[in-house]
Structures are given as structure tokens and as C-alpha cells.
Amino acid sequence: MPDPLIARLKTLIVTTLKLEDVTPAQMADDEPLIGSGLNLDSIDALELVVTLEKEFGIKISSSEESRTALASIAHLAEFIRARADPARLPR
């Protein structure tokens, strides 16, 4: 059974960043988000952080924390689970 948080994150990434040639199903959980992999840049990362903070009520307070959280979708899910109110997580 797919992880509902990972599925939600993939959808958020595609819709927030308006990725036209990528679908959530094509995204690997352990694929890097910044640089290689999805090849997101710093502007994409900032947009994504703002969306994640609103969606899950978390705070990503530094660029180092952002780099760690955005290492991959799996890292991002782990980061959100550790900081978000469980009521805001998809089930």
C-alpha cells in the first residue's frame, strides 16, 4: 500500500512547481530533488518550502535545514512526520 504522505508530497511538488513533463507516478521516493533528479533550483525549493509550511504547519528555518529536508521525497516525508501535527498528515 502506498504511503499517503509520499503520494501527497509528489502531487504537491508537481502542482506547486507546475512540472509539465513529470507525473507523481514517475517520481522515485529516493530521487534527489535539488540538482540532479528533478533538477529543481533554489527558486523552486523556496516555492516548495512555502507550500509545505502552509500545508503541514511546519517551519523550515534555515537553508541547511531546507537542503536536508529536500534531499529526496523520502527525506521530506521523514522531516514532515517529525515536525507536523499528526492531524495535518494525510491518512
PDB file of N, CA and C in Angstrom:
ATOM      1  N   MET A   1       0.847  -1.188   0.000  1.00  0.00           N
ATOM      2  CA  MET A   1       0.000   0.000   0.000  1.00  0.00           C
ATOM      3  C   MET A   1       0.891   1.250   0.000  1.00  0.00           C
ATOM      4  N   PRO A   2       0.655   2.166  -0.913  1.00  0.00           N
ATOM      5  CA  PRO A   2       1.494   3.373  -0.982  1.00  0.00           C
ATOM      6  C   PRO A   2       1.349   4.246   0.263  1.00  0.00           C
ATOM      7  N   ASP A   3       2.415   4.930   0.601  1.00  0.00           N
ATOM      8  CA  ASP A   3       2.434   5.856   1.734  1.00  0.00           C
ATOM      9  C   ASP A   3       1.636   7.100   1.338  1.00  0.00           C
ATOM     10  N   PRO A   4       0.556   7.432   2.072  1.00  0.00           N
ATOM     11  CA  PRO A   4      -0.272   8.590   1.695  1.00  0.00           C
ATOM     12  C   PRO A   4       0.477   9.923   1.755  1.00  0.00           C
ATOM     13  N   LEU A   5       1.433  10.060   2.678  1.00  0.00           N
ATOM     14  CA  LEU A   5       2.191  11.314   2.762  1.00  0.00           C
ATOM     15  C   LEU A   5       3.107  11.454   1.541  1.00  0.00           C
ATOM     16  N   ILE A   6       3.775  10.391   1.160  1.00  0.00           N
ATOM     17  CA  ILE A   6       4.652  10.448  -0.016  1.00  0.00           C
ATOM     18  C   ILE A   6       3.832  10.740  -1.269  1.00  0.00           C
ATOM     19  N   ALA A   7       2.669  10.118  -1.394  1.00  0.00           N
ATOM     20  CA  ALA A   7       1.802  10.382  -2.549  1.00  0.00           C
ATOM     21  C   ALA A   7       1.377  11.847  -2.572  1.00  0.00           C
ATOM     22  N   ARG A   8       1.031  12.405  -1.412  1.00  0.00           N
ATOM     23  CA  ARG A   8       0.627  13.817  -1.320  1.00  0.00           C
ATOM     24  C   ARG A   8       1.787  14.742  -1.675  1.00  0.00           C
ATOM     25  N   LEU A   9       2.981  14.412  -1.190  1.00  0.00           N
ATOM     26  CA  LEU A   9       4.151  15.235  -1.483  1.00  0.00           C
ATOM     27  C   LEU A   9       4.447  15.257  -2.979  1.00  0.00           C
ATOM     28  N   LYS A  10       4.363  14.119  -3.621  1.00  0.00           N
ATOM     29  CA  LYS A  10       4.617  14.061  -5.064  1.00  0.00           C
ATOM     30  C   LYS A  10       3.622  14.935  -5.821  1.00  0.00           C
ATOM     31  N   THR A  11       2.357  14.864  -5.433  1.00  0.00           N
ATOM     32  CA  THR A  11       1.335  15.688  -6.075  1.00  0.00           C
ATOM     33  C   THR A  11       1.597  17.169  -5.818  1.00  0.00           C
ATOM     34  N   LEU A  12       1.950  17.511  -4.580  1.00  0.00           N
ATOM     35  CA  LEU A  12       2.249  18.915  -4.247  1.00  0.00           C
ATOM     36  C   LEU A  12       3.427  19.442  -5.058  1.00  0.00           C
ATOM     37  N   ILE A  13       4.459  18.637  -5.210  1.00  0.00           N
ATOM     38  CA  ILE A  13       5.636  19.065  -5.971  1.00  0.00           C
ATOM     39  C   ILE A  13       5.249  19.348  -7.417  1.00  0.00           C
ATOM     40  N   VAL A  14       4.516  18.440  -8.027  1.00  0.00           N
ATOM     41  CA  VAL A  14       4.124  18.605  -9.434  1.00  0.00           C
ATOM     42  C   VAL A  14       3.226  19.830  -9.615  1.00  0.00           C
ATOM     43  N   THR A  15       2.237  19.997  -8.733  1.00  0.00           N
ATOM     44  CA  THR A  15       1.303  21.115  -8.903  1.00  0.00           C
ATOM     45  C   THR A  15       1.929  22.456  -8.500  1.00  0.00           C
ATOM     46  N   THR A  16       2.663  22.493  -7.399  1.00  0.00           N
ATOM     47  CA  THR A  16       3.271  23.742  -6.939  1.00  0.00           C
ATOM     48  C   THR A  16       4.264  24.276  -7.951  1.00  0.00           C
ATOM     49  N   LEU A  17       5.083  23.382  -8.502  1.00  0.00           N
ATOM     50  CA  LEU A  17       6.139  23.814  -9.409  1.00  0.00           C
ATOM     51  C   LEU A  17       5.729  23.742 -10.877  1.00  0.00           C
ATOM     52  N   LYS A  18       4.459  23.380 -11.098  1.00  0.00           N
ATOM     53  CA  LYS A  18       3.907  23.319 -12.460  1.00  0.00           C
ATOM     54  C   LYS A  18       4.810  22.507 -13.396  1.00  0.00           C
ATOM     55  N   LEU A  19       5.174  21.308 -12.937  1.00  0.00           N
ATOM     56  CA  LEU A  19       6.024  20.416 -13.729  1.00  0.00           C
ATOM     57  C   LEU A  19       5.167  19.769 -14.805  1.00  0.00           C
ATOM     58  N   GLU A  20       5.366  20.169 -16.037  1.00  0.00           N
ATOM     59  CA  GLU A  20       4.520  19.714 -17.132  1.00  0.00           C
ATOM     60  C   GLU A  20       4.921  18.348 -17.679  1.00  0.00           C
ATOM     61  N   ASP A  21       6.190  18.008 -17.572  1.00  0.00           N
ATOM     62  CA  ASP A  21       6.638  16.752 -18.160  1.00  0.00           C
ATOM     63  C   ASP A  21       6.921  15.666 -17.124  1.00  0.00           C
ATOM     64  N   VAL A  22       6.431  15.862 -15.895  1.00  0.00           N
ATOM     65  CA  VAL A  22       6.621  14.889 -14.820  1.00  0.00           C
ATOM     66  C   VAL A  22       5.279  14.621 -14.162  1.00  0.00           C
ATOM     67  N   THR A  23       4.989  13.346 -13.908  1.00  0.00           N
ATOM     68  CA  THR A  23       3.791  12.985 -13.153  1.00  0.00           C
ATOM     69  C   THR A  23       4.227  12.446 -11.793  1.00  0.00           C
ATOM     70  N   PRO A  24       3.347  12.504 -10.793  1.00  0.00           N
ATOM     71  CA  PRO A  24       3.714  11.955  -9.487  1.00  0.00           C
ATOM     72  C   PRO A  24       4.168  10.489  -9.572  1.00  0.00           C
ATOM     73  N   ALA A  25       3.551   9.719 -10.437  1.00  0.00           N
ATOM     74  CA  ALA A  25       3.896   8.300 -10.559  1.00  0.00           C
ATOM     75  C   ALA A  25       5.315   8.090 -11.082  1.00  0.00           C
ATOM     76  N   GLN A  26       5.854   9.054 -11.805  1.00  0.00           N
ATOM     77  CA  GLN A  26       7.204   8.938 -12.359  1.00  0.00           C
ATOM     78  C   GLN A  26       8.290   9.273 -11.343  1.00  0.00           C
ATOM     79  N   MET A  27       7.919   9.845 -10.216  1.00  0.00           N
ATOM     80  CA  MET A  27       8.898  10.306  -9.239  1.00  0.00           C
ATOM     81  C   MET A  27       9.291   9.180  -8.291  1.00  0.00           C
ATOM     82  N   ALA A  28      10.595   8.964  -8.155  1.00  0.00           N
ATOM     83  CA  ALA A  28      11.102   7.959  -7.219  1.00  0.00           C
ATOM     84  C   ALA A  28      11.216   8.574  -5.828  1.00  0.00           C
ATOM     85  N   ASP A  29      10.912   7.788  -4.808  1.00  0.00           N
ATOM     86  CA  ASP A  29      10.952   8.284  -3.430  1.00  0.00           C
ATOM     87  C   ASP A  29      12.347   8.741  -3.013  1.00  0.00           C
ATOM     88  N   ASP A  30      13.380   8.093  -3.533  1.00  0.00           N
ATOM     89  CA  ASP A  30      14.746   8.402  -3.122  1.00  0.00           C
ATOM     90  C   ASP A  30      15.516   9.233  -4.144  1.00  0.00           C
ATOM     91  N   GLU A  31      14.816   9.759  -5.135  1.00  0.00           N
ATOM     92  CA  GLU A  31      15.438  10.592  -6.161  1.00  0.00           C
ATOM     93  C   GLU A  31      15.757  11.979  -5.581  1.00  0.00           C
ATOM     94  N   PRO A  32      16.967  12.502  -5.835  1.00  0.00           N
ATOM     95  CA  PRO A  32      17.282  13.852  -5.347  1.00  0.00           C
ATOM     96  C   PRO A  32      16.326  14.892  -5.950  1.00  0.00           C
ATOM     97  N   LEU A  33      15.934  15.855  -5.148  1.00  0.00           N
ATOM     98  CA  LEU A  33      15.041  16.906  -5.630  1.00  0.00           C
ATOM     99  C   LEU A  33      15.817  18.094  -6.184  1.00  0.00           C
ATOM    100  N   ILE A  34      16.931  18.431  -5.544  1.00  0.00           N
ATOM    101  CA  ILE A  34      17.723  19.589  -5.939  1.00  0.00           C
ATOM    102  C   ILE A  34      18.915  19.104  -6.773  1.00  0.00           C
ATOM    103  N   GLY A  35      19.247  19.859  -7.802  1.00  0.00           N
ATOM    104  CA  GLY A  35      20.381  19.476  -8.650  1.00  0.00           C
ATOM    105  C   GLY A  35      19.977  18.375  -9.605  1.00  0.00           C
ATOM    106  N   SER A  36      20.538  17.192  -9.431  1.00  0.00           N
ATOM    107  CA  SER A  36      20.166  16.064 -10.297  1.00  0.00           C
ATOM    108  C   SER A  36      18.768  15.583  -9.917  1.00  0.00           C
ATOM    109  N   GLY A  37      18.304  14.533 -10.507  1.00  0.00           N
ATOM    110  CA  GLY A  37      16.948  14.058 -10.227  1.00  0.00           C
ATOM    111  C   GLY A  37      15.943  14.978 -10.885  1.00  0.00           C
ATOM    112  N   LEU A  38      15.115  15.629 -10.091  1.00  0.00           N
ATOM    113  CA  LEU A  38      14.126  16.560 -10.645  1.00  0.00           C
ATOM    114  C   LEU A  38      14.752  17.866 -11.117  1.00  0.00           C
ATOM    115  N   ASN A  39      15.994  18.098 -10.713  1.00  0.00           N
ATOM    116  CA  ASN A  39      16.733  19.268 -11.172  1.00  0.00           C
ATOM    117  C   ASN A  39      16.078  20.581 -10.752  1.00  0.00           C
ATOM    118  N   LEU A  40      15.581  20.627  -9.525  1.00  0.00           N
ATOM    119  CA  LEU A  40      14.974  21.852  -9.013  1.00  0.00           C
ATOM    120  C   LEU A  40      16.069  22.849  -8.668  1.00  0.00           C
ATOM    121  N   ASP A  41      15.768  24.135  -8.838  1.00  0.00           N
ATOM    122  CA  ASP A  41      16.730  25.169  -8.471  1.00  0.00           C
ATOM    123  C   ASP A  41      16.305  25.823  -7.156  1.00  0.00           C
ATOM    124  N   SER A  42      17.027  26.847  -6.740  1.00  0.00           N
ATOM    125  CA  SER A  42      16.759  27.481  -5.445  1.00  0.00           C
ATOM    126  C   SER A  42      15.393  28.167  -5.403  1.00  0.00           C
ATOM    127  N   ILE A  43      14.940  28.702  -6.515  1.00  0.00           N
ATOM    128  CA  ILE A  43      13.607  29.336  -6.568  1.00  0.00           C
ATOM    129  C   ILE A  43      12.531  28.271  -6.403  1.00  0.00           C
ATOM    130  N   ASP A  44      12.699  27.132  -7.082  1.00  0.00           N
ATOM    131  CA  ASP A  44      11.766  26.014  -6.925  1.00  0.00           C
ATOM    132  C   ASP A  44      11.733  25.552  -5.473  1.00  0.00           C
ATOM    133  N   ALA A  45      12.906  25.436  -4.871  1.00  0.00           N
ATOM    134  CA  ALA A  45      12.993  24.990  -3.476  1.00  0.00           C
ATOM    135  C   ALA A  45      12.247  25.953  -2.555  1.00  0.00           C
ATOM    136  N   LEU A  46      12.420  27.241  -2.769  1.00  0.00           N
ATOM    137  CA  LEU A  46      11.739  28.249  -1.953  1.00  0.00           C
ATOM    138  C   LEU A  46      10.222  28.152  -2.111  1.00  0.00           C
ATOM    139  N   GLU A  47       9.761  28.036  -3.332  1.00  0.00           N
ATOM    140  CA  GLU A  47       8.314  27.877  -3.580  1.00  0.00           C
ATOM    141  C   GLU A  47       7.775  26.647  -2.867  1.00  0.00           C
ATOM    142  N   LEU A  48       8.523  25.560  -2.960  1.00  0.00           N
ATOM    143  CA  LEU A  48       8.103  24.311  -2.352  1.00  0.00           C
ATOM    144  C   LEU A  48       8.079  24.419  -0.826  1.00  0.00           C
ATOM    145  N   VAL A  49       9.083  25.051  -0.245  1.00  0.00           N
ATOM    146  CA  VAL A  49       9.137  25.231   1.209  1.00  0.00           C
ATOM    147  C   VAL A  49       7.926  26.026   1.692  1.00  0.00           C
ATOM    148  N   VAL A  50       7.585  27.103   0.997  1.00  0.00           N
ATOM    149  CA  VAL A  50       6.425  27.925   1.385  1.00  0.00           C
ATOM    150  C   VAL A  50       5.147  27.078   1.352  1.00  0.00           C
ATOM    151  N   THR A  51       4.977  26.297   0.300  1.00  0.00           N
ATOM    152  CA  THR A  51       3.796  25.432   0.179  1.00  0.00           C
ATOM    153  C   THR A  51       3.753  24.398   1.302  1.00  0.00           C
ATOM    154  N   LEU A  52       4.893  23.776   1.583  1.00  0.00           N
ATOM    155  CA  LEU A  52       4.949  22.751   2.634  1.00  0.00           C
ATOM    156  C   LEU A  52       4.654  23.343   4.008  1.00  0.00           C
ATOM    157  N   GLU A  53       5.171  24.545   4.256  1.00  0.00           N
ATOM    158  CA  GLU A  53       4.917  25.194   5.544  1.00  0.00           C
ATOM    159  C   GLU A  53       3.429  25.480   5.718  1.00  0.00           C
ATOM    160  N   LYS A  54       2.770  25.914   4.657  1.00  0.00           N
ATOM    161  CA  LYS A  54       1.327  26.182   4.722  1.00  0.00           C
ATOM    162  C   LYS A  54       0.530  24.888   4.852  1.00  0.00           C
ATOM    163  N   GLU A  55       0.869  23.903   4.059  1.00  0.00           N
ATOM    164  CA  GLU A  55       0.126  22.644   4.006  1.00  0.00           C
ATOM    165  C   GLU A  55       0.209  21.852   5.311  1.00  0.00           C
ATOM    166  N   PHE A  56       1.410  21.795   5.885  1.00  0.00           N
ATOM    167  CA  PHE A  56       1.624  20.916   7.043  1.00  0.00           C
ATOM    168  C   PHE A  56       1.884  21.659   8.345  1.00  0.00           C
ATOM    169  N   GLY A  57       1.910  22.991   8.309  1.00  0.00           N
ATOM    170  CA  GLY A  57       2.112  23.773   9.519  1.00  0.00           C
ATOM    171  C   GLY A  57       3.487  23.586  10.128  1.00  0.00           C
ATOM    172  N   ILE A  58       4.485  23.346   9.296  1.00  0.00           N
ATOM    173  CA  ILE A  58       5.850  23.172   9.779  1.00  0.00           C
ATOM    174  C   ILE A  58       6.654  24.423   9.467  1.00  0.00           C
ATOM    175  N   LYS A  59       7.843  24.506  10.026  1.00  0.00           N
ATOM    176  CA  LYS A  59       8.740  25.625   9.741  1.00  0.00           C
ATOM    177  C   LYS A  59      10.088  25.063   9.333  1.00  0.00           C
ATOM    178  N   ILE A  60      10.557  25.470   8.168  1.00  0.00           N
ATOM    179  CA  ILE A  60      11.896  25.116   7.707  1.00  0.00           C
ATOM    180  C   ILE A  60      12.684  26.409   7.821  1.00  0.00           C
ATOM    181  N   SER A  61      13.502  26.500   8.875  1.00  0.00           N
ATOM    182  CA  SER A  61      14.033  27.798   9.270  1.00  0.00           C
ATOM    183  C   SER A  61      15.378  28.192   8.680  1.00  0.00           C
ATOM    184  N   SER A  62      16.098  27.279   8.077  1.00  0.00           N
ATOM    185  CA  SER A  62      17.403  27.656   7.532  1.00  0.00           C
ATOM    186  C   SER A  62      17.644  26.965   6.197  1.00  0.00           C
ATOM    187  N   SER A  63      18.621  27.485   5.465  1.00  0.00           N
ATOM    188  CA  SER A  63      18.935  26.856   4.178  1.00  0.00           C
ATOM    189  C   SER A  63      19.522  25.462   4.393  1.00  0.00           C
ATOM    190  N   GLU A  64      20.244  25.260   5.483  1.00  0.00           N
ATOM    191  CA  GLU A  64      20.792  23.931   5.793  1.00  0.00           C
ATOM    192  C   GLU A  64      19.656  22.946   6.069  1.00  0.00           C
ATOM    193  N   GLU A  65      18.682  23.376   6.854  1.00  0.00           N
ATOM    194  CA  GLU A  65      17.522  22.533   7.147  1.00  0.00           C
ATOM    195  C   GLU A  65      16.747  22.233   5.862  1.00  0.00           C
ATOM    196  N   SER A  66      16.633  23.213   4.999  1.00  0.00           N
ATOM    197  CA  SER A  66      15.957  23.035   3.717  1.00  0.00           C
ATOM    198  C   SER A  66      16.681  22.017   2.854  1.00  0.00           C
ATOM    199  N   ARG A  67      18.009  22.119   2.776  1.00  0.00           N
ATOM    200  CA  ARG A  67      18.798  21.170   1.979  1.00  0.00           C
ATOM    201  C   ARG A  67      18.619  19.749   2.492  1.00  0.00           C
ATOM    202  N   THR A  68      18.616  19.580   3.815  1.00  0.00           N
ATOM    203  CA  THR A  68      18.436  18.256   4.413  1.00  0.00           C
ATOM    204  C   THR A  68      17.046  17.729   4.118  1.00  0.00           C
ATOM    205  N   ALA A  69      16.031  18.553   4.343  1.00  0.00           N
ATOM    206  CA  ALA A  69      14.642  18.119   4.136  1.00  0.00           C
ATOM    207  C   ALA A  69      14.366  17.786   2.675  1.00  0.00           C
ATOM    208  N   LEU A  70      14.937  18.570   1.765  1.00  0.00           N
ATOM    209  CA  LEU A  70      14.656  18.395   0.340  1.00  0.00           C
ATOM    210  C   LEU A  70      15.649  17.463  -0.362  1.00  0.00           C
ATOM    211  N   ALA A  71      16.368  16.665   0.403  1.00  0.00           N
ATOM    212  CA  ALA A  71      17.324  15.727  -0.202  1.00  0.00           C
ATOM    213  C   ALA A  71      16.600  14.740  -1.125  1.00  0.00           C
ATOM    214  N   SER A  72      15.420  14.301  -0.722  1.00  0.00           N
ATOM    215  CA  SER A  72      14.597  13.390  -1.536  1.00  0.00           C
ATOM    216  C   SER A  72      13.173  13.440  -0.985  1.00  0.00           C
ATOM    217  N   ILE A  73      12.262  12.816  -1.687  1.00  0.00           N
ATOM    218  CA  ILE A  73      10.876  12.778  -1.209  1.00  0.00           C
ATOM    219  C   ILE A  73      10.795  11.976   0.083  1.00  0.00           C
ATOM    220  N   ALA A  74      11.562  10.901   0.175  1.00  0.00           N
ATOM    221  CA  ALA A  74      11.572  10.091   1.404  1.00  0.00           C
ATOM    222  C   ALA A  74      12.101  10.902   2.588  1.00  0.00           C
ATOM    223  N   HIS A  75      13.174  11.671   2.382  1.00  0.00           N
ATOM    224  CA  HIS A  75      13.697  12.537   3.447  1.00  0.00           C
ATOM    225  C   HIS A  75      12.666  13.594   3.838  1.00  0.00           C
ATOM    226  N   LEU A  76      12.000  14.139   2.846  1.00  0.00           N
ATOM    227  CA  LEU A  76      10.995  15.162   3.105  1.00  0.00           C
ATOM    228  C   LEU A  76       9.843  14.603   3.938  1.00  0.00           C
ATOM    229  N   ALA A  77       9.394  13.414   3.609  1.00  0.00           N
ATOM    230  CA  ALA A  77       8.313  12.776   4.377  1.00  0.00           C
ATOM    231  C   ALA A  77       8.747  12.543   5.824  1.00  0.00           C
ATOM    232  N   GLU A  78       9.968  12.084   6.013  1.00  0.00           N
ATOM    233  CA  GLU A  78      10.510  11.851   7.351  1.00  0.00           C
ATOM    234  C   GLU A  78      10.580  13.169   8.137  1.00  0.00           C
ATOM    235  N   PHE A  79      11.054  14.218   7.480  1.00  0.00           N
ATOM    236  CA  PHE A  79      11.161  15.538   8.092  1.00  0.00           C
ATOM    237  C   PHE A  79       9.786  16.041   8.534  1.00  0.00           C
ATOM    238  N   ILE A  80       8.795  15.925   7.662  1.00  0.00           N
ATOM    239  CA  ILE A  80       7.442  16.404   7.963  1.00  0.00           C
ATOM    240  C   ILE A  80       6.818  15.590   9.088  1.00  0.00           C
ATOM    241  N   ARG A  81       6.965  14.274   9.043  1.00  0.00           N
ATOM    242  CA  ARG A  81       6.403  13.429  10.114  1.00  0.00           C
ATOM    243  C   ARG A  81       6.969  13.796  11.486  1.00  0.00           C
ATOM    244  N   ALA A  82       8.230  14.176  11.529  1.00  0.00           N
ATOM    245  CA  ALA A  82       8.878  14.511  12.800  1.00  0.00           C
ATOM    246  C   ALA A  82       8.421  15.859  13.347  1.00  0.00           C
ATOM    247  N   ARG A  83       7.890  16.737  12.481  1.00  0.00           N
ATOM    248  CA  ARG A  83       7.579  18.099  12.907  1.00  0.00           C
ATOM    249  C   ARG A  83       6.110  18.515  12.811  1.00  0.00           C
ATOM    250  N   ALA A  84       5.343  17.850  11.987  1.00  0.00           N
ATOM    251  CA  ALA A  84       3.957  18.282  11.758  1.00  0.00           C
ATOM    252  C   ALA A  84       3.007  17.695  12.790  1.00  0.00           C
ATOM    253  N   ASP A  85       1.932  18.408  12.998  1.00  0.00           N
ATOM    254  CA  ASP A  85       0.828  17.899  13.810  1.00  0.00           C
ATOM    255  C   ASP A  85       0.249  16.695  13.055  1.00  0.00           C
ATOM    256  N   PRO A  86       0.171  15.531  13.699  1.00  0.00           N
ATOM    257  CA  PRO A  86      -0.340  14.333  13.011  1.00  0.00           C
ATOM    258  C   PRO A  86      -1.715  14.537  12.361  1.00  0.00           C
ATOM    259  N   ALA A  87      -2.523  15.433  12.899  1.00  0.00           N
ATOM    260  CA  ALA A  87      -3.843  15.699  12.334  1.00  0.00           C
ATOM    261  C   ALA A  87      -3.748  16.325  10.949  1.00  0.00           C
ATOM    262  N   ARG A  88      -2.613  16.927  10.620  1.00  0.00           N
ATOM    263  CA  ARG A  88      -2.459  17.573   9.307  1.00  0.00           C
ATOM    264  C   ARG A  88      -1.865  16.629   8.256  1.00  0.00           C
ATOM    265  N   LEU A  89      -1.500  15.427   8.658  1.00  0.00           N
ATOM    266  CA  LEU A  89      -0.917  14.461   7.727  1.00  0.00           C
ATOM    267  C   LEU A  89      -2.005  13.663   7.028  1.00  0.00           C
ATOM    268  N   PRO A  90      -1.804  13.342   5.743  1.00  0.00           N
ATOM    269  CA  PRO A  90      -2.806  12.524   5.036  1.00  0.00           C
ATOM    270  C   PRO A  90      -2.842  11.111   5.597  1.00  0.00           C
ATOM    271  N   ARG A  91      -4.002  10.509   5.547  1.00  0.00           N
ATOM    272  CA  ARG A  91      -4.161   9.132   6.064  1.00  0.00           C
ATOM    273  C   ARG A  91      -4.495   8.198   4.951  1.00  0.00           C
TER     274      ARG A  91
END
